[in-house]
Amino acid sequence: MNVENELIRLTKENDNFRKIIKTQQNTINRLVDYFILGKKPSGISK
């Protein structure tokens, strides 16, 4: 495997991890809002 292909693969993998982390951060923020601040997260109906 050449260096350029490996860098491309790692860049894509890094982007995927960033998206996963961002999604997890958003989920945690919504849970904090719901359970600690008593705010109802958007997108959840009851």
N, C-alpha and C. Protein backbone atom coordinates (compact mmCIF):
# COMPACT_ATOMS: atom_id res chain seq x y z
N MET A 1 0.85 -1.18 0.00
CA MET A 1 0.00 0.00 0.00
C MET A 1 0.90 1.24 0.00
N ASN A 2 0.63 2.15 -0.87
CA ASN A 2 1.50 3.33 -0.90
C ASN A 2 1.06 4.38 0.12
N VAL A 3 1.93 5.29 0.37
CA VAL A 3 1.72 6.29 1.42
C VAL A 3 0.52 7.17 1.12
N GLU A 4 0.35 7.57 -0.12
CA GLU A 4 -0.77 8.45 -0.48
C GLU A 4 -2.12 7.77 -0.22
N ASN A 5 -2.25 6.53 -0.61
CA ASN A 5 -3.50 5.80 -0.35
C ASN A 5 -3.76 5.64 1.14
N GLU A 6 -2.72 5.40 1.90
CA GLU A 6 -2.87 5.27 3.35
C GLU A 6 -3.32 6.58 3.98
N LEU A 7 -2.77 7.69 3.51
CA LEU A 7 -3.18 9.00 4.02
C LEU A 7 -4.64 9.29 3.68
N ILE A 8 -5.06 8.94 2.50
CA ILE A 8 -6.46 9.13 2.10
C ILE A 8 -7.38 8.29 2.99
N ARG A 9 -6.98 7.03 3.22
CA ARG A 9 -7.78 6.14 4.06
C ARG A 9 -7.88 6.69 5.49
N LEU A 10 -6.77 7.14 6.03
CA LEU A 10 -6.77 7.68 7.40
C LEU A 10 -7.58 8.97 7.50
N THR A 11 -7.53 9.80 6.47
CA THR A 11 -8.31 11.03 6.46
C THR A 11 -9.81 10.72 6.48
N LYS A 12 -10.23 9.76 5.68
CA LYS A 12 -11.65 9.37 5.67
C LYS A 12 -12.06 8.77 7.01
N GLU A 13 -11.19 7.94 7.57
CA GLU A 13 -11.48 7.34 8.87
C GLU A 13 -11.59 8.42 9.95
N ASN A 14 -10.71 9.40 9.92
CA ASN A 14 -10.74 10.50 10.87
C ASN A 14 -12.03 11.30 10.74
N ASP A 15 -12.45 11.57 9.51
CA ASP A 15 -13.71 12.29 9.28
C ASP A 15 -14.89 11.51 9.85
N ASN A 16 -14.87 10.19 9.65
CA ASN A 16 -15.95 9.36 10.20
C ASN A 16 -15.98 9.42 11.72
N PHE A 17 -14.81 9.35 12.35
CA PHE A 17 -14.75 9.45 13.80
C PHE A 17 -15.24 10.80 14.29
N ARG A 18 -14.91 11.87 13.58
CA ARG A 18 -15.38 13.21 13.96
C ARG A 18 -16.91 13.27 13.92
N LYS A 19 -17.50 12.67 12.90
CA LYS A 19 -18.96 12.67 12.79
C LYS A 19 -19.59 11.87 13.92
N ILE A 20 -18.99 10.74 14.26
CA ILE A 20 -19.51 9.92 15.36
C ILE A 20 -19.43 10.68 16.67
N ILE A 21 -18.29 11.31 16.92
CA ILE A 21 -18.11 12.07 18.17
C ILE A 21 -19.09 13.23 18.24
N LYS A 22 -19.30 13.93 17.14
CA LYS A 22 -20.25 15.05 17.12
C LYS A 22 -21.67 14.57 17.44
N THR A 23 -22.05 13.43 16.87
CA THR A 23 -23.36 12.86 17.14
C THR A 23 -23.49 12.49 18.62
N GLN A 24 -22.45 11.89 19.18
CA GLN A 24 -22.48 11.54 20.60
C GLN A 24 -22.56 12.78 21.48
N GLN A 25 -21.84 13.83 21.12
CA GLN A 25 -21.89 15.06 21.90
C GLN A 25 -23.30 15.66 21.87
N ASN A 26 -23.93 15.64 20.70
CA ASN A 26 -25.29 16.16 20.59
C ASN A 26 -26.25 15.35 21.44
N THR A 27 -26.10 14.03 21.42
CA THR A 27 -26.96 13.17 22.22
C THR A 27 -26.78 13.44 23.70
N ILE A 28 -25.55 13.56 24.15
CA ILE A 28 -25.28 13.85 25.55
C ILE A 28 -25.87 15.21 25.94
N ASN A 29 -25.70 16.20 25.10
CA ASN A 29 -26.26 17.53 25.40
C ASN A 29 -27.78 17.47 25.53
N ARG A 30 -28.43 16.70 24.66
CA ARG A 30 -29.88 16.59 24.73
C ARG A 30 -30.31 15.88 26.01
N LEU A 31 -29.56 14.84 26.41
CA LEU A 31 -29.89 14.13 27.65
C LEU A 31 -29.69 15.03 28.85
N VAL A 32 -28.64 15.83 28.86
CA VAL A 32 -28.41 16.77 29.95
C VAL A 32 -29.55 17.77 30.02
N ASP A 33 -29.92 18.31 28.87
CA ASP A 33 -31.04 19.26 28.84
C ASP A 33 -32.30 18.62 29.40
N TYR A 34 -32.56 17.40 29.03
CA TYR A 34 -33.79 16.73 29.42
C TYR A 34 -33.79 16.40 30.91
N PHE A 35 -32.73 15.75 31.38
CA PHE A 35 -32.74 15.24 32.74
C PHE A 35 -32.32 16.27 33.78
N ILE A 36 -31.42 17.15 33.47
CA ILE A 36 -30.92 18.10 34.47
C ILE A 36 -31.66 19.43 34.39
N LEU A 37 -31.85 19.92 33.19
CA LEU A 37 -32.46 21.24 33.04
C LEU A 37 -33.97 21.18 32.88
N GLY A 38 -34.51 19.99 32.67
CA GLY A 38 -35.94 19.82 32.53
C GLY A 38 -36.49 20.28 31.21
N LYS A 39 -35.63 20.45 30.23
CA LYS A 39 -36.08 20.86 28.90
C LYS A 39 -36.36 19.62 28.06
N LYS A 40 -37.40 19.71 27.28
CA LYS A 40 -37.76 18.61 26.40
C LYS A 40 -36.92 18.70 25.11
N PRO A 41 -36.15 17.66 24.80
CA PRO A 41 -35.36 17.70 23.57
C PRO A 41 -36.24 17.79 22.35
N SER A 42 -35.81 18.53 21.35
CA SER A 42 -36.58 18.63 20.11
C SER A 42 -36.55 17.28 19.40
N GLY A 43 -37.63 16.98 18.72
CA GLY A 43 -37.70 15.72 18.00
C GLY A 43 -38.28 14.60 18.82
N ILE A 44 -38.57 14.85 20.10
CA ILE A 44 -39.17 13.82 20.95
C ILE A 44 -40.54 14.32 21.39
N SER A 45 -41.56 13.56 21.05
CA SER A 45 -42.91 13.99 21.42
C SER A 45 -43.49 13.06 22.46
N LYS A 46 -44.25 13.64 23.39
CA LYS A 46 -44.94 12.89 24.43
C LYS A 46 -46.10 13.66 24.93
